[in-house]
Amino acid sequence: MKKIEAIIQPFKLEDVKEALKNIGVDGMTISEVRGHGRQKGHKEVYRGQEYNVDLLPKVKFEMIVTDNRLDEVLDTIANAARTGKIGDGKIFVFDVAEAIRIRNGDRGESAI
């Protein structure tokens, strides 16, 4: 099993969510986060004072998938989130040692 964490632009949230639903991925956790990579933020003016906005709003998707679905899910996220511009985001993949469904004690792939 693999854990996927994808950091994307907020306006791509619905596109990615719909694309994942279309391939049958139901379980996901979505969080509003802030950060920056190469974008480095931008300058804004408030009441005549200039200041840096260096932590930009992003959305983080987290999901656990079986090994045989990994490539399909990664391609789906990347294609749905891509604009071709700086700041599109990143996808990270981690190994998952175990998953347990609390409700009934299912373990492993049957828990996801």
C-alpha atoms as a PDB file:
ATOM      1  CA  MET A   1       0.000   0.000   0.000  1.00  0.00           C
ATOM      2  CA  LYS A   2       1.094   3.567  -0.662  1.00  0.00           C
ATOM      3  CA  LYS A   3       0.185   6.923   0.827  1.00  0.00           C
ATOM      4  CA  ILE A   4      -0.085   9.755  -1.676  1.00  0.00           C
ATOM      5  CA  GLU A   5       0.199  13.381  -0.589  1.00  0.00           C
ATOM      6  CA  ALA A   6      -0.477  15.933  -3.306  1.00  0.00           C
ATOM      7  CA  ILE A   7      -0.127  19.692  -2.811  1.00  0.00           C
ATOM      8  CA  ILE A   8      -2.058  21.587  -5.498  1.00  0.00           C
ATOM      9  CA  GLN A   9      -3.480  25.002  -6.360  1.00  0.00           C
ATOM     10  CA  PRO A  10      -6.807  25.688  -4.580  1.00  0.00           C
ATOM     11  CA  PHE A  11      -8.688  26.413  -7.807  1.00  0.00           C
ATOM     12  CA  LYS A  12      -7.862  22.883  -9.036  1.00  0.00           C
ATOM     13  CA  LEU A  13      -9.546  21.209  -6.032  1.00  0.00           C
ATOM     14  CA  GLU A  14     -12.788  20.291  -7.798  1.00  0.00           C
ATOM     15  CA  ASP A  15     -11.008  19.127 -10.969  1.00  0.00           C
ATOM     16  CA  VAL A  16      -8.768  16.730  -9.031  1.00  0.00           C
ATOM     17  CA  LYS A  17     -11.596  15.529  -6.780  1.00  0.00           C
ATOM     18  CA  GLU A  18     -13.837  14.766  -9.778  1.00  0.00           C
ATOM     19  CA  ALA A  19     -11.027  13.047 -11.692  1.00  0.00           C
ATOM     20  CA  LEU A  20     -10.332  10.788  -8.694  1.00  0.00           C
ATOM     21  CA  LYS A  21     -14.029   9.967  -8.300  1.00  0.00           C
ATOM     22  CA  ASN A  22     -14.180   9.067 -12.004  1.00  0.00           C
ATOM     23  CA  ILE A  23     -11.516   6.371 -11.542  1.00  0.00           C
ATOM     24  CA  GLY A  24     -13.165   5.023  -8.402  1.00  0.00           C
ATOM     25  CA  VAL A  25     -11.036   6.595  -5.670  1.00  0.00           C
ATOM     26  CA  ASP A  26     -13.456   7.317  -2.846  1.00  0.00           C
ATOM     27  CA  GLY A  27     -11.320   7.740   0.258  1.00  0.00           C
ATOM     28  CA  MET A  28      -9.327  10.928   0.556  1.00  0.00           C
ATOM     29  CA  THR A  29      -8.543  13.614   3.084  1.00  0.00           C
ATOM     30  CA  ILE A  30      -8.380  17.212   1.895  1.00  0.00           C
ATOM     31  CA  SER A  31      -6.789  20.021   3.919  1.00  0.00           C
ATOM     32  CA  GLU A  32      -6.263  23.707   3.305  1.00  0.00           C
ATOM     33  CA  VAL A  33      -2.570  24.432   3.818  1.00  0.00           C
ATOM     34  CA  ARG A  34      -0.130  27.275   3.195  1.00  0.00           C
ATOM     35  CA  GLY A  35       3.382  27.195   1.782  1.00  0.00           C
ATOM     36  CA  HIS A  36       5.652  28.008  -1.109  1.00  0.00           C
ATOM     37  CA  GLY A  37       8.253  26.415  -3.299  1.00  0.00           C
ATOM     38  CA  ARG A  38       9.874  28.154  -6.222  1.00  0.00           C
ATOM     39  CA  GLN A  39       6.979  30.613  -6.344  1.00  0.00           C
ATOM     40  CA  LYS A  40       8.420  32.444  -3.334  1.00  0.00           C
ATOM     41  CA  GLY A  41       5.196  34.421  -2.816  1.00  0.00           C
ATOM     42  CA  HIS A  42       4.535  38.003  -3.882  1.00  0.00           C
ATOM     43  CA  LYS A  43       4.340  41.571  -2.572  1.00  0.00           C
ATOM     44  CA  GLU A  44       1.093  43.309  -1.649  1.00  0.00           C
ATOM     45  CA  VAL A  45       0.228  46.771  -0.366  1.00  0.00           C
ATOM     46  CA  TYR A  46      -2.083  47.313   2.605  1.00  0.00           C
ATOM     47  CA  ARG A  47      -2.815  50.837   3.864  1.00  0.00           C
ATOM     48  CA  GLY A  48       0.223  52.162   2.070  1.00  0.00           C
ATOM     49  CA  GLN A  49       2.594  49.565   3.525  1.00  0.00           C
ATOM     50  CA  GLU A  50       4.207  46.989   1.276  1.00  0.00           C
ATOM     51  CA  TYR A  51       4.586  43.485   2.685  1.00  0.00           C
ATOM     52  CA  ASN A  52       5.546  40.020   1.448  1.00  0.00           C
ATOM     53  CA  VAL A  53       3.006  37.248   1.167  1.00  0.00           C
ATOM     54  CA  ASP A  54       5.350  34.279   1.202  1.00  0.00           C
ATOM     55  CA  LEU A  55       2.993  31.542   2.409  1.00  0.00           C
ATOM     56  CA  LEU A  56       0.491  30.986  -0.372  1.00  0.00           C
ATOM     57  CA  PRO A  57      -2.789  29.062   0.004  1.00  0.00           C
ATOM     58  CA  LYS A  58      -2.638  25.475  -1.259  1.00  0.00           C
ATOM     59  CA  VAL A  59      -4.751  22.321  -0.942  1.00  0.00           C
ATOM     60  CA  LYS A  60      -3.344  18.977   0.239  1.00  0.00           C
ATOM     61  CA  PHE A  61      -4.881  15.664  -0.817  1.00  0.00           C
ATOM     62  CA  GLU A  62      -3.970  12.565   1.183  1.00  0.00           C
ATOM     63  CA  MET A  63      -5.030   9.042   0.260  1.00  0.00           C
ATOM     64  CA  ILE A  64      -3.964   5.430   0.616  1.00  0.00           C
ATOM     65  CA  VAL A  65      -4.025   3.254  -2.500  1.00  0.00           C
ATOM     66  CA  THR A  66      -3.058  -0.295  -3.357  1.00  0.00           C
ATOM     67  CA  ASP A  67       0.252  -0.775  -5.148  1.00  0.00           C
ATOM     68  CA  ASN A  68      -1.457  -1.831  -8.386  1.00  0.00           C
ATOM     69  CA  ARG A  69      -3.459   1.445  -8.587  1.00  0.00           C
ATOM     70  CA  LEU A  70      -0.555   3.777  -7.769  1.00  0.00           C
ATOM     71  CA  ASP A  71       0.443   4.807 -11.307  1.00  0.00           C
ATOM     72  CA  GLU A  72      -3.162   5.350 -12.391  1.00  0.00           C
ATOM     73  CA  VAL A  73      -3.887   7.589  -9.386  1.00  0.00           C
ATOM     74  CA  LEU A  74      -0.636   9.550  -9.777  1.00  0.00           C
ATOM     75  CA  ASP A  75      -1.327  10.200 -13.469  1.00  0.00           C
ATOM     76  CA  THR A  76      -4.907  11.231 -12.703  1.00  0.00           C
ATOM     77  CA  ILE A  77      -3.856  13.745 -10.045  1.00  0.00           C
ATOM     78  CA  ALA A  78      -1.039  15.192 -12.153  1.00  0.00           C
ATOM     79  CA  ASN A  79      -3.202  15.589 -15.259  1.00  0.00           C
ATOM     80  CA  ALA A  80      -6.122  17.153 -13.371  1.00  0.00           C
ATOM     81  CA  ALA A  81      -3.921  19.582 -11.381  1.00  0.00           C
ATOM     82  CA  ARG A  82      -1.578  20.648 -14.194  1.00  0.00           C
ATOM     83  CA  THR A  83      -1.753  24.192 -15.592  1.00  0.00           C
ATOM     84  CA  GLY A  84       1.807  24.239 -16.904  1.00  0.00           C
ATOM     85  CA  LYS A  85       2.719  27.225 -14.741  1.00  0.00           C
ATOM     86  CA  ILE A  86       4.973  27.550 -11.721  1.00  0.00           C
ATOM     87  CA  GLY A  87       3.157  26.663  -8.508  1.00  0.00           C
ATOM     88  CA  ASP A  88       1.179  23.694  -9.859  1.00  0.00           C
ATOM     89  CA  GLY A  89       2.330  21.661  -6.863  1.00  0.00           C
ATOM     90  CA  LYS A  90       3.988  18.383  -5.969  1.00  0.00           C
ATOM     91  CA  ILE A  91       3.038  14.768  -5.329  1.00  0.00           C
ATOM     92  CA  PHE A  92       4.774  12.620  -2.709  1.00  0.00           C
ATOM     93  CA  VAL A  93       4.494   8.832  -2.295  1.00  0.00           C
ATOM     94  CA  PHE A  94       5.177   6.918   0.948  1.00  0.00           C
ATOM     95  CA  ASP A  95       5.097   3.223   1.866  1.00  0.00           C
ATOM     96  CA  VAL A  96       2.337   2.220   4.294  1.00  0.00           C
ATOM     97  CA  ALA A  97       3.142  -0.671   6.608  1.00  0.00           C
ATOM     98  CA  GLU A  98      -0.408  -1.299   7.847  1.00  0.00           C
ATOM     99  CA  ALA A  99      -3.971   0.003   7.669  1.00  0.00           C
ATOM    100  CA  ILE A 100      -6.703  -0.862  10.168  1.00  0.00           C
ATOM    101  CA  ARG A 101     -10.388  -0.008   9.857  1.00  0.00           C
ATOM    102  CA  ILE A 102     -11.417   0.981  13.377  1.00  0.00           C
ATOM    103  CA  ARG A 103     -15.103   0.063  12.922  1.00  0.00           C
ATOM    104  CA  ASN A 104     -14.595  -3.665  12.332  1.00  0.00           C
ATOM    105  CA  GLY A 105     -10.875  -4.388  12.622  1.00  0.00           C
ATOM    106  CA  ASP A 106     -10.234  -5.043   8.910  1.00  0.00           C
ATOM    107  CA  ARG A 107      -6.513  -4.943   8.168  1.00  0.00           C
ATOM    108  CA  GLY A 108      -4.356  -4.306   5.107  1.00  0.00           C
ATOM    109  CA  GLU A 109      -5.893  -3.631   1.714  1.00  0.00           C
ATOM    110  CA  SER A 110      -9.372  -4.592   2.860  1.00  0.00           C
ATOM    111  CA  ALA A 111      -9.227  -1.659   5.305  1.00  0.00           C
ATOM    112  CA  ILE A 112      -8.818   0.875   2.536  1.00  0.00           C
END
